[in-house]
Amino acid sequence: MTDVTIRAETEDDRKAVRDVVAEAFVDEPVVADLVDRLRDSSGWRPGLSLVAEREGAVVGYVLATRAWLDAPDALVDVLLLSPLAVHPDHQRAGIGGALVRALLDLARARDEPGIFLEGSPVYYSRFGFTAAGDSGVRRPSLRIPPPAFQVVWLPSYDENRHTGTLAYPDAFWELDCVGLR
C-alpha cells in the first residue's frame, strides 16, 4: 500500500473517477451517474471526495455528502458515505480501507455529529461503524436491511439530541440508489 496516495479529488479526476466507479459497480452502472448528480446537488461538500492514486492513475474513490437527521428538535446535517469504489484490478490491497480511514479523519474535524452508510457490517465494522438503529436512528428506507444501516458517531455527537430518521439527498431517490439490491 506504500505505493498508493490518497488525496482530494480535483476537477481533472472526474473522468477517471467515473471510470473507476463504473468498473467497481459494473452490475449497477447507475452508481457512476449518482456521483455526477451528487456533485451538482445541495449534498455536495467540498473536500469530502477522495481518490486513491497508484502510479499516476486513479484506482479508488470515496465520497461523503450531506444528508439530514430529522431529529426531534431540529433537522441536523450529517454525512453519508457513498460510494466507496476500487477498480477491480486493485481490490483486496487495502485501498478501500485507506480511503475510508482518510475520509473518517476528515469527518472527525468537521461539525457533523455522524457519518452514515449502507453496506456490509463485516467490512465496515473494522472502521468503527455500528448499526445505526441501535442508536435510535431510523433508516430512510425499509429496503435497507437493519444491519447494513450503519453509523460512526463523530466528536459533536450527543446521544440525547441525535436520534430520528435519516434523510438522503435527492439524487439517491431520483436514481433509485437506496437499499441493497
N, C-alpha and C. Protein backbone atom coordinates (compact mmCIF):
# COMPACT_ATOMS: atom_id res chain seq x y z
N MET A 1 0.83 -1.21 0.00
CA MET A 1 0.00 0.00 0.00
C MET A 1 0.86 1.25 0.00
N THR A 2 2.15 1.13 0.16
CA THR A 2 3.00 2.32 0.21
C THR A 2 3.06 3.03 -1.13
N ASP A 3 2.65 2.37 -2.18
CA ASP A 3 2.69 2.99 -3.50
C ASP A 3 1.37 3.66 -3.87
N VAL A 4 0.49 3.86 -2.89
CA VAL A 4 -0.81 4.49 -3.13
C VAL A 4 -0.87 5.82 -2.38
N THR A 5 -1.35 6.84 -3.06
CA THR A 5 -1.53 8.15 -2.47
C THR A 5 -3.02 8.44 -2.37
N ILE A 6 -3.47 8.89 -1.20
CA ILE A 6 -4.86 9.31 -1.01
C ILE A 6 -4.85 10.83 -1.02
N ARG A 7 -5.71 11.42 -1.84
CA ARG A 7 -5.76 12.88 -1.94
C ARG A 7 -7.16 13.32 -2.33
N ALA A 8 -7.39 14.62 -2.21
CA ALA A 8 -8.68 15.19 -2.61
C ALA A 8 -8.84 15.08 -4.13
N GLU A 9 -10.06 14.79 -4.52
CA GLU A 9 -10.39 14.75 -5.95
C GLU A 9 -10.26 16.15 -6.52
N THR A 10 -9.77 16.24 -7.75
CA THR A 10 -9.72 17.51 -8.47
C THR A 10 -10.66 17.44 -9.67
N GLU A 11 -10.89 18.56 -10.27
CA GLU A 11 -11.72 18.63 -11.48
C GLU A 11 -11.17 17.70 -12.57
N ASP A 12 -9.84 17.61 -12.67
CA ASP A 12 -9.21 16.78 -13.68
C ASP A 12 -9.43 15.28 -13.46
N ASP A 13 -9.85 14.89 -12.26
CA ASP A 13 -10.05 13.48 -11.93
C ASP A 13 -11.43 12.95 -12.32
N ARG A 14 -12.33 13.81 -12.72
CA ARG A 14 -13.74 13.40 -12.87
C ARG A 14 -13.94 12.20 -13.80
N LYS A 15 -13.31 12.21 -14.96
CA LYS A 15 -13.49 11.09 -15.88
C LYS A 15 -12.91 9.81 -15.28
N ALA A 16 -11.72 9.90 -14.70
CA ALA A 16 -11.11 8.72 -14.09
C ALA A 16 -11.96 8.19 -12.94
N VAL A 17 -12.54 9.10 -12.14
CA VAL A 17 -13.41 8.68 -11.05
C VAL A 17 -14.62 7.95 -11.61
N ARG A 18 -15.23 8.53 -12.62
CA ARG A 18 -16.40 7.87 -13.23
C ARG A 18 -16.04 6.48 -13.73
N ASP A 19 -14.88 6.35 -14.36
CA ASP A 19 -14.45 5.05 -14.88
C ASP A 19 -14.24 4.04 -13.75
N VAL A 20 -13.60 4.47 -12.66
CA VAL A 20 -13.36 3.57 -11.53
C VAL A 20 -14.68 3.12 -10.90
N VAL A 21 -15.59 4.06 -10.71
CA VAL A 21 -16.88 3.73 -10.10
C VAL A 21 -17.65 2.79 -11.03
N ALA A 22 -17.63 3.06 -12.32
CA ALA A 22 -18.34 2.20 -13.27
C ALA A 22 -17.76 0.79 -13.27
N GLU A 23 -16.45 0.65 -13.21
CA GLU A 23 -15.81 -0.67 -13.18
C GLU A 23 -16.10 -1.40 -11.86
N ALA A 24 -16.07 -0.66 -10.76
CA ALA A 24 -16.31 -1.27 -9.45
C ALA A 24 -17.77 -1.70 -9.29
N PHE A 25 -18.67 -0.97 -9.93
CA PHE A 25 -20.11 -1.26 -9.84
C PHE A 25 -20.64 -1.67 -11.21
N VAL A 26 -19.94 -2.59 -11.86
CA VAL A 26 -20.30 -2.99 -13.22
C VAL A 26 -21.74 -3.52 -13.29
N ASP A 27 -22.24 -4.12 -12.22
CA ASP A 27 -23.61 -4.62 -12.21
C ASP A 27 -24.63 -3.55 -11.83
N GLU A 28 -24.15 -2.39 -11.41
CA GLU A 28 -25.03 -1.27 -11.04
C GLU A 28 -24.49 0.02 -11.65
N PRO A 29 -24.56 0.18 -12.97
CA PRO A 29 -23.96 1.34 -13.63
C PRO A 29 -24.53 2.69 -13.18
N VAL A 30 -25.69 2.67 -12.55
CA VAL A 30 -26.30 3.92 -12.09
C VAL A 30 -25.45 4.59 -10.99
N VAL A 31 -24.58 3.84 -10.34
CA VAL A 31 -23.77 4.43 -9.27
C VAL A 31 -22.83 5.50 -9.81
N ALA A 32 -22.29 5.30 -11.01
CA ALA A 32 -21.45 6.34 -11.62
C ALA A 32 -22.28 7.59 -11.90
N ASP A 33 -23.52 7.42 -12.32
CA ASP A 33 -24.41 8.57 -12.52
C ASP A 33 -24.70 9.27 -11.20
N LEU A 34 -24.82 8.48 -10.13
CA LEU A 34 -25.08 9.05 -8.81
C LEU A 34 -23.98 10.02 -8.42
N VAL A 35 -22.73 9.65 -8.63
CA VAL A 35 -21.61 10.55 -8.29
C VAL A 35 -21.74 11.86 -9.06
N ASP A 36 -22.03 11.78 -10.34
CA ASP A 36 -22.20 13.00 -11.14
C ASP A 36 -23.33 13.87 -10.59
N ARG A 37 -24.44 13.26 -10.26
CA ARG A 37 -25.58 14.02 -9.72
C ARG A 37 -25.26 14.65 -8.37
N LEU A 38 -24.56 13.89 -7.54
CA LEU A 38 -24.22 14.42 -6.21
C LEU A 38 -23.31 15.64 -6.31
N ARG A 39 -22.42 15.66 -7.30
CA ARG A 39 -21.53 16.82 -7.48
C ARG A 39 -22.33 18.10 -7.71
N ASP A 40 -23.48 17.98 -8.34
CA ASP A 40 -24.29 19.15 -8.67
C ASP A 40 -25.43 19.37 -7.69
N SER A 41 -25.38 18.70 -6.54
CA SER A 41 -26.51 18.77 -5.60
C SER A 41 -26.17 19.60 -4.36
N SER A 42 -27.20 19.87 -3.58
CA SER A 42 -27.00 20.57 -2.31
C SER A 42 -26.30 19.68 -1.29
N GLY A 43 -26.18 18.40 -1.58
CA GLY A 43 -25.49 17.48 -0.70
C GLY A 43 -23.98 17.52 -0.82
N TRP A 44 -23.47 18.13 -1.90
CA TRP A 44 -22.02 18.14 -2.14
C TRP A 44 -21.30 18.95 -1.07
N ARG A 45 -20.22 18.37 -0.56
CA ARG A 45 -19.37 19.03 0.42
C ARG A 45 -17.94 19.00 -0.09
N PRO A 46 -17.40 20.16 -0.50
CA PRO A 46 -16.02 20.20 -1.00
C PRO A 46 -15.05 19.57 0.01
N GLY A 47 -14.09 18.84 -0.51
CA GLY A 47 -13.08 18.23 0.33
C GLY A 47 -13.42 16.85 0.83
N LEU A 48 -14.64 16.38 0.61
CA LEU A 48 -15.04 15.06 1.09
C LEU A 48 -15.16 14.05 -0.05
N SER A 49 -14.44 14.32 -1.11
CA SER A 49 -14.37 13.45 -2.28
C SER A 49 -12.89 13.12 -2.47
N LEU A 50 -12.53 11.86 -2.19
CA LEU A 50 -11.12 11.46 -2.19
C LEU A 50 -10.84 10.40 -3.24
N VAL A 51 -9.63 10.46 -3.80
CA VAL A 51 -9.19 9.44 -4.74
C VAL A 51 -7.96 8.74 -4.18
N ALA A 52 -7.79 7.50 -4.61
CA ALA A 52 -6.56 6.75 -4.37
C ALA A 52 -5.85 6.69 -5.71
N GLU A 53 -4.59 7.06 -5.68
CA GLU A 53 -3.81 7.11 -6.91
C GLU A 53 -2.62 6.17 -6.79
N ARG A 54 -2.41 5.39 -7.83
CA ARG A 54 -1.26 4.46 -7.88
C ARG A 54 -0.59 4.66 -9.24
N GLU A 55 0.69 4.96 -9.20
CA GLU A 55 1.47 5.17 -10.43
C GLU A 55 0.79 6.16 -11.36
N GLY A 56 0.25 7.23 -10.80
CA GLY A 56 -0.36 8.30 -11.59
C GLY A 56 -1.76 8.04 -12.06
N ALA A 57 -2.34 6.89 -11.70
CA ALA A 57 -3.70 6.55 -12.15
C ALA A 57 -4.64 6.48 -10.95
N VAL A 58 -5.84 6.99 -11.14
CA VAL A 58 -6.86 6.87 -10.10
C VAL A 58 -7.35 5.43 -10.08
N VAL A 59 -7.25 4.79 -8.90
CA VAL A 59 -7.66 3.38 -8.77
C VAL A 59 -8.74 3.19 -7.71
N GLY A 60 -9.06 4.26 -6.96
CA GLY A 60 -10.08 4.15 -5.92
C GLY A 60 -10.73 5.49 -5.65
N TYR A 61 -11.90 5.43 -5.01
CA TYR A 61 -12.67 6.65 -4.79
C TYR A 61 -13.60 6.46 -3.60
N VAL A 62 -13.75 7.52 -2.81
CA VAL A 62 -14.75 7.53 -1.75
C VAL A 62 -15.35 8.94 -1.68
N LEU A 63 -16.62 9.00 -1.33
CA LEU A 63 -17.34 10.26 -1.28
C LEU A 63 -18.23 10.30 -0.05
N ALA A 64 -18.25 11.44 0.60
CA ALA A 64 -19.25 11.71 1.63
C ALA A 64 -20.00 12.97 1.24
N THR A 65 -21.30 12.90 1.32
CA THR A 65 -22.15 14.05 1.02
C THR A 65 -22.99 14.38 2.24
N ARG A 66 -23.64 15.50 2.15
CA ARG A 66 -24.54 15.94 3.20
C ARG A 66 -25.82 15.12 3.15
N ALA A 67 -26.26 14.71 4.32
CA ALA A 67 -27.58 14.11 4.50
C ALA A 67 -28.17 14.80 5.73
N TRP A 68 -29.36 14.39 6.13
CA TRP A 68 -30.00 15.07 7.25
C TRP A 68 -30.57 14.06 8.22
N LEU A 69 -30.45 14.38 9.47
CA LEU A 69 -31.08 13.60 10.51
C LEU A 69 -32.28 14.41 10.99
N ASP A 70 -33.47 13.86 10.76
CA ASP A 70 -34.71 14.50 11.20
C ASP A 70 -34.86 14.18 12.68
N ALA A 71 -34.18 14.98 13.49
CA ALA A 71 -34.14 14.77 14.94
C ALA A 71 -35.37 15.40 15.58
N PRO A 72 -35.67 15.07 16.83
CA PRO A 72 -36.88 15.57 17.48
C PRO A 72 -36.99 17.10 17.54
N ASP A 73 -35.86 17.79 17.69
CA ASP A 73 -35.93 19.24 17.85
C ASP A 73 -35.47 20.04 16.63
N ALA A 74 -34.79 19.41 15.69
CA ALA A 74 -34.24 20.15 14.55
C ALA A 74 -33.80 19.18 13.46
N LEU A 75 -33.63 19.72 12.27
CA LEU A 75 -33.02 18.98 11.18
C LEU A 75 -31.51 19.17 11.33
N VAL A 76 -30.77 18.07 11.44
CA VAL A 76 -29.34 18.12 11.73
C VAL A 76 -28.56 17.63 10.50
N ASP A 77 -27.57 18.42 10.07
CA ASP A 77 -26.69 17.97 9.00
C ASP A 77 -25.82 16.83 9.49
N VAL A 78 -25.75 15.78 8.70
CA VAL A 78 -24.86 14.64 8.95
C VAL A 78 -24.19 14.31 7.61
N LEU A 79 -23.32 13.32 7.62
CA LEU A 79 -22.64 12.91 6.40
C LEU A 79 -23.10 11.51 6.00
N LEU A 80 -23.02 11.24 4.69
CA LEU A 80 -23.39 9.95 4.14
C LEU A 80 -22.24 9.47 3.26
N LEU A 81 -21.63 8.36 3.61
CA LEU A 81 -20.54 7.78 2.83
C LEU A 81 -21.15 6.91 1.73
N SER A 82 -20.95 7.35 0.50
CA SER A 82 -21.41 6.57 -0.65
C SER A 82 -21.04 7.32 -1.93
N PRO A 83 -20.39 6.65 -2.84
CA PRO A 83 -19.93 5.27 -2.81
C PRO A 83 -18.47 5.17 -2.36
N LEU A 84 -18.08 3.94 -2.08
CA LEU A 84 -16.68 3.55 -1.95
C LEU A 84 -16.42 2.62 -3.13
N ALA A 85 -15.43 2.94 -3.93
CA ALA A 85 -15.17 2.16 -5.14
C ALA A 85 -13.66 1.97 -5.33
N VAL A 86 -13.27 0.76 -5.64
CA VAL A 86 -11.89 0.45 -6.00
C VAL A 86 -11.93 -0.35 -7.30
N HIS A 87 -11.11 0.05 -8.25
CA HIS A 87 -11.07 -0.66 -9.53
C HIS A 87 -10.80 -2.15 -9.26
N PRO A 88 -11.50 -3.05 -9.94
CA PRO A 88 -11.35 -4.49 -9.69
C PRO A 88 -9.90 -4.99 -9.74
N ASP A 89 -9.06 -4.39 -10.57
CA ASP A 89 -7.67 -4.82 -10.67
C ASP A 89 -6.85 -4.46 -9.42
N HIS A 90 -7.41 -3.63 -8.55
CA HIS A 90 -6.67 -3.15 -7.37
C HIS A 90 -7.39 -3.48 -6.06
N GLN A 91 -8.44 -4.27 -6.13
CA GLN A 91 -9.17 -4.63 -4.92
C GLN A 91 -8.37 -5.62 -4.07
N ARG A 92 -8.73 -5.68 -2.80
CA ARG A 92 -8.11 -6.57 -1.82
C ARG A 92 -6.64 -6.25 -1.57
N ALA A 93 -6.31 -4.96 -1.72
CA ALA A 93 -4.94 -4.50 -1.48
C ALA A 93 -4.91 -3.42 -0.40
N GLY A 94 -6.04 -3.20 0.28
CA GLY A 94 -6.09 -2.21 1.35
C GLY A 94 -6.44 -0.79 0.91
N ILE A 95 -6.73 -0.62 -0.36
CA ILE A 95 -7.02 0.72 -0.88
C ILE A 95 -8.36 1.23 -0.36
N GLY A 96 -9.38 0.39 -0.38
CA GLY A 96 -10.69 0.81 0.15
C GLY A 96 -10.59 1.21 1.61
N GLY A 97 -9.88 0.42 2.39
CA GLY A 97 -9.70 0.73 3.81
C GLY A 97 -8.97 2.04 4.02
N ALA A 98 -7.94 2.29 3.22
CA ALA A 98 -7.20 3.54 3.33
C ALA A 98 -8.10 4.73 3.00
N LEU A 99 -8.95 4.57 2.00
CA LEU A 99 -9.89 5.65 1.64
C LEU A 99 -10.88 5.92 2.77
N VAL A 100 -11.44 4.86 3.35
CA VAL A 100 -12.40 5.04 4.43
C VAL A 100 -11.73 5.71 5.63
N ARG A 101 -10.54 5.26 6.01
CA ARG A 101 -9.84 5.86 7.15
C ARG A 101 -9.54 7.34 6.90
N ALA A 102 -9.11 7.68 5.69
CA ALA A 102 -8.81 9.07 5.37
C ALA A 102 -10.08 9.93 5.44
N LEU A 103 -11.19 9.39 4.94
CA LEU A 103 -12.45 10.12 4.99
C LEU A 103 -12.92 10.31 6.43
N LEU A 104 -12.79 9.28 7.24
CA LEU A 104 -13.18 9.41 8.65
C LEU A 104 -12.31 10.44 9.38
N ASP A 105 -11.03 10.50 9.05
CA ASP A 105 -10.16 11.52 9.65
C ASP A 105 -10.66 12.93 9.31
N LEU A 106 -11.05 13.14 8.05
CA LEU A 106 -11.59 14.43 7.64
C LEU A 106 -12.91 14.72 8.36
N ALA A 107 -13.76 13.72 8.45
CA ALA A 107 -15.08 13.89 9.07
C ALA A 107 -14.94 14.25 10.55
N ARG A 108 -13.97 13.69 11.23
CA ARG A 108 -13.79 13.97 12.67
C ARG A 108 -13.41 15.42 12.93
N ALA A 109 -12.90 16.11 11.93
CA ALA A 109 -12.52 17.52 12.08
C ALA A 109 -13.66 18.47 11.71
N ARG A 110 -14.82 17.93 11.39
CA ARG A 110 -15.97 18.74 10.97
C ARG A 110 -17.00 18.82 12.10
N ASP A 111 -18.08 19.56 11.84
CA ASP A 111 -19.12 19.78 12.85
C ASP A 111 -20.22 18.73 12.85
N GLU A 112 -20.39 17.96 11.77
CA GLU A 112 -21.47 16.99 11.73
C GLU A 112 -21.26 15.93 12.81
N PRO A 113 -22.36 15.47 13.43
CA PRO A 113 -22.23 14.51 14.53
C PRO A 113 -22.03 13.06 14.11
N GLY A 114 -22.26 12.73 12.83
CA GLY A 114 -22.13 11.34 12.42
C GLY A 114 -21.96 11.19 10.93
N ILE A 115 -21.43 10.03 10.55
CA ILE A 115 -21.33 9.66 9.14
C ILE A 115 -21.99 8.29 8.98
N PHE A 116 -22.98 8.23 8.10
CA PHE A 116 -23.80 7.04 7.89
C PHE A 116 -23.42 6.36 6.58
N LEU A 117 -23.82 5.12 6.44
CA LEU A 117 -23.68 4.39 5.19
C LEU A 117 -24.62 3.21 5.21
N GLU A 118 -24.78 2.61 4.04
CA GLU A 118 -25.42 1.30 3.96
C GLU A 118 -24.41 0.38 3.28
N GLY A 119 -24.10 -0.71 3.97
CA GLY A 119 -23.09 -1.61 3.45
C GLY A 119 -22.87 -2.80 4.36
N SER A 120 -21.84 -3.55 4.08
CA SER A 120 -21.53 -4.78 4.80
C SER A 120 -21.04 -4.50 6.21
N PRO A 121 -21.77 -4.99 7.24
CA PRO A 121 -21.29 -4.83 8.61
C PRO A 121 -19.95 -5.53 8.83
N VAL A 122 -19.71 -6.62 8.15
CA VAL A 122 -18.44 -7.34 8.29
C VAL A 122 -17.29 -6.44 7.84
N TYR A 123 -17.46 -5.78 6.72
CA TYR A 123 -16.41 -4.91 6.19
C TYR A 123 -16.27 -3.62 7.01
N TYR A 124 -17.37 -2.91 7.21
CA TYR A 124 -17.29 -1.57 7.78
C TYR A 124 -17.11 -1.54 9.29
N SER A 125 -17.38 -2.63 10.00
CA SER A 125 -17.19 -2.63 11.45
C SER A 125 -15.72 -2.41 11.82
N ARG A 126 -14.81 -2.80 10.96
CA ARG A 126 -13.37 -2.60 11.25
C ARG A 126 -12.99 -1.13 11.35
N PHE A 127 -13.85 -0.24 10.84
CA PHE A 127 -13.59 1.20 10.89
C PHE A 127 -14.40 1.88 12.00
N GLY A 128 -15.11 1.07 12.78
CA GLY A 128 -15.89 1.63 13.89
C GLY A 128 -17.36 1.85 13.57
N PHE A 129 -17.83 1.46 12.39
CA PHE A 129 -19.25 1.59 12.06
C PHE A 129 -20.04 0.56 12.86
N THR A 130 -21.19 0.99 13.36
CA THR A 130 -22.10 0.12 14.10
C THR A 130 -23.51 0.32 13.56
N ALA A 131 -24.40 -0.58 13.91
CA ALA A 131 -25.80 -0.47 13.46
C ALA A 131 -26.40 0.84 13.97
N ALA A 132 -26.85 1.68 13.05
CA ALA A 132 -27.40 2.99 13.41
C ALA A 132 -28.69 2.86 14.20
N GLY A 133 -29.46 1.81 13.93
CA GLY A 133 -30.71 1.61 14.65
C GLY A 133 -30.49 1.43 16.15
N ASP A 134 -29.33 0.91 16.54
CA ASP A 134 -29.03 0.74 17.96
C ASP A 134 -28.88 2.07 18.68
N SER A 135 -28.70 3.16 17.91
CA SER A 135 -28.55 4.49 18.49
C SER A 135 -29.85 5.29 18.43
N GLY A 136 -30.92 4.66 17.98
CA GLY A 136 -32.19 5.38 17.90
C GLY A 136 -32.39 6.13 16.60
N VAL A 137 -31.65 5.76 15.55
CA VAL A 137 -31.83 6.39 14.24
C VAL A 137 -32.54 5.41 13.32
N ARG A 138 -33.59 5.90 12.67
CA ARG A 138 -34.36 5.09 11.73
C ARG A 138 -33.77 5.23 10.33
N ARG A 139 -33.75 4.13 9.61
CA ARG A 139 -33.24 4.11 8.24
C ARG A 139 -34.20 4.85 7.31
N PRO A 140 -33.68 5.42 6.24
CA PRO A 140 -34.53 6.19 5.33
C PRO A 140 -35.44 5.34 4.46
N SER A 141 -35.18 4.04 4.40
CA SER A 141 -36.00 3.14 3.58
C SER A 141 -36.01 1.76 4.20
N LEU A 142 -37.15 1.10 4.12
CA LEU A 142 -37.25 -0.27 4.60
C LEU A 142 -36.46 -1.24 3.72
N ARG A 143 -36.03 -0.78 2.53
CA ARG A 143 -35.22 -1.63 1.65
C ARG A 143 -33.79 -1.79 2.16
N ILE A 144 -33.40 -0.99 3.13
CA ILE A 144 -32.06 -1.12 3.72
C ILE A 144 -32.17 -2.10 4.88
N PRO A 145 -31.49 -3.23 4.80
CA PRO A 145 -31.54 -4.17 5.93
C PRO A 145 -30.97 -3.52 7.18
N PRO A 146 -31.61 -3.70 8.33
CA PRO A 146 -31.13 -3.03 9.55
C PRO A 146 -29.64 -3.18 9.83
N PRO A 147 -29.03 -4.36 9.66
CA PRO A 147 -27.59 -4.46 9.95
C PRO A 147 -26.73 -3.64 8.97
N ALA A 148 -27.22 -3.40 7.76
CA ALA A 148 -26.46 -2.66 6.76
C ALA A 148 -26.52 -1.15 6.99
N PHE A 149 -27.48 -0.67 7.75
CA PHE A 149 -27.63 0.75 8.05
C PHE A 149 -26.73 1.09 9.23
N GLN A 150 -25.61 1.77 8.93
CA GLN A 150 -24.55 1.93 9.92
C GLN A 150 -24.13 3.38 10.11
N VAL A 151 -23.46 3.63 11.23
CA VAL A 151 -23.00 4.97 11.57
C VAL A 151 -21.70 4.90 12.35
N VAL A 152 -20.90 5.93 12.18
CA VAL A 152 -19.81 6.25 13.10
C VAL A 152 -20.16 7.61 13.66
N TRP A 153 -20.28 7.66 14.97
CA TRP A 153 -20.55 8.93 15.62
C TRP A 153 -19.26 9.71 15.75
N LEU A 154 -19.34 11.01 15.51
CA LEU A 154 -18.18 11.90 15.48
C LEU A 154 -18.16 12.76 16.74
N PRO A 155 -17.11 13.55 16.96
CA PRO A 155 -16.95 14.27 18.23
C PRO A 155 -18.15 15.11 18.68
N SER A 156 -18.93 15.68 17.77
CA SER A 156 -20.04 16.53 18.20
C SER A 156 -21.34 15.76 18.48
N TYR A 157 -21.28 14.43 18.47
CA TYR A 157 -22.45 13.60 18.73
C TYR A 157 -22.97 13.80 20.15
N ASP A 158 -24.28 13.90 20.26
CA ASP A 158 -24.96 13.99 21.55
C ASP A 158 -26.09 12.96 21.54
N GLU A 159 -25.95 11.92 22.33
CA GLU A 159 -26.93 10.82 22.30
C GLU A 159 -28.33 11.28 22.67
N ASN A 160 -28.47 12.40 23.34
CA ASN A 160 -29.79 12.91 23.72
C ASN A 160 -30.45 13.71 22.60
N ARG A 161 -29.66 14.19 21.64
CA ARG A 161 -30.21 15.04 20.58
C ARG A 161 -30.21 14.37 19.20
N HIS A 162 -29.30 13.45 18.97
CA HIS A 162 -29.10 12.92 17.64
C HIS A 162 -29.75 11.56 17.44
N THR A 163 -31.08 11.60 17.44
CA THR A 163 -31.91 10.45 17.11
C THR A 163 -32.90 10.93 16.06
N GLY A 164 -33.64 10.03 15.47
CA GLY A 164 -34.64 10.42 14.48
C GLY A 164 -34.51 9.57 13.23
N THR A 165 -34.84 10.17 12.08
CA THR A 165 -34.83 9.45 10.80
C THR A 165 -33.81 10.09 9.87
N LEU A 166 -32.99 9.26 9.23
CA LEU A 166 -32.02 9.77 8.27
C LEU A 166 -32.72 10.08 6.95
N ALA A 167 -32.39 11.20 6.35
CA ALA A 167 -32.91 11.60 5.04
C ALA A 167 -31.75 11.72 4.07
N TYR A 168 -31.82 10.99 2.96
CA TYR A 168 -30.79 11.01 1.93
C TYR A 168 -30.96 12.21 1.01
N PRO A 169 -29.88 12.64 0.33
CA PRO A 169 -30.01 13.65 -0.72
C PRO A 169 -30.90 13.14 -1.85
N ASP A 170 -31.53 14.06 -2.54
CA ASP A 170 -32.47 13.72 -3.62
C ASP A 170 -31.89 12.77 -4.67
N ALA A 171 -30.61 12.94 -5.00
CA ALA A 171 -30.02 12.14 -6.08
C ALA A 171 -30.16 10.63 -5.82
N PHE A 172 -30.09 10.21 -4.56
CA PHE A 172 -30.25 8.79 -4.25
C PHE A 172 -31.64 8.29 -4.61
N TRP A 173 -32.64 9.13 -4.37
CA TRP A 173 -34.02 8.74 -4.67
C TRP A 173 -34.30 8.82 -6.16
N GLU A 174 -33.80 9.89 -6.80
CA GLU A 174 -34.05 10.07 -8.23
C GLU A 174 -33.50 8.92 -9.06
N LEU A 175 -32.36 8.34 -8.61
CA LEU A 175 -31.74 7.24 -9.34
C LEU A 175 -32.01 5.88 -8.73
N ASP A 176 -32.89 5.84 -7.73
CA ASP A 176 -33.24 4.61 -7.02
C ASP A 176 -31.99 3.88 -6.51
N CYS A 177 -31.16 4.62 -5.79
CA CYS A 177 -29.92 4.08 -5.22
C CYS A 177 -30.02 3.93 -3.70
N VAL A 178 -31.20 3.63 -3.23
CA VAL A 178 -31.41 3.43 -1.80
C VAL A 178 -31.74 1.96 -1.58
N GLY A 179 -31.04 1.33 -0.66
CA GLY A 179 -31.29 -0.08 -0.37
C GLY A 179 -30.42 -1.00 -1.19
N LEU A 180 -29.98 -2.06 -0.55
CA LEU A 180 -29.15 -3.03 -1.23
C LEU A 180 -29.99 -3.85 -2.19
N ARG A 181 -29.42 -4.18 -3.32
CA ARG A 181 -30.14 -4.98 -4.30
C ARG A 181 -29.58 -6.36 -4.38
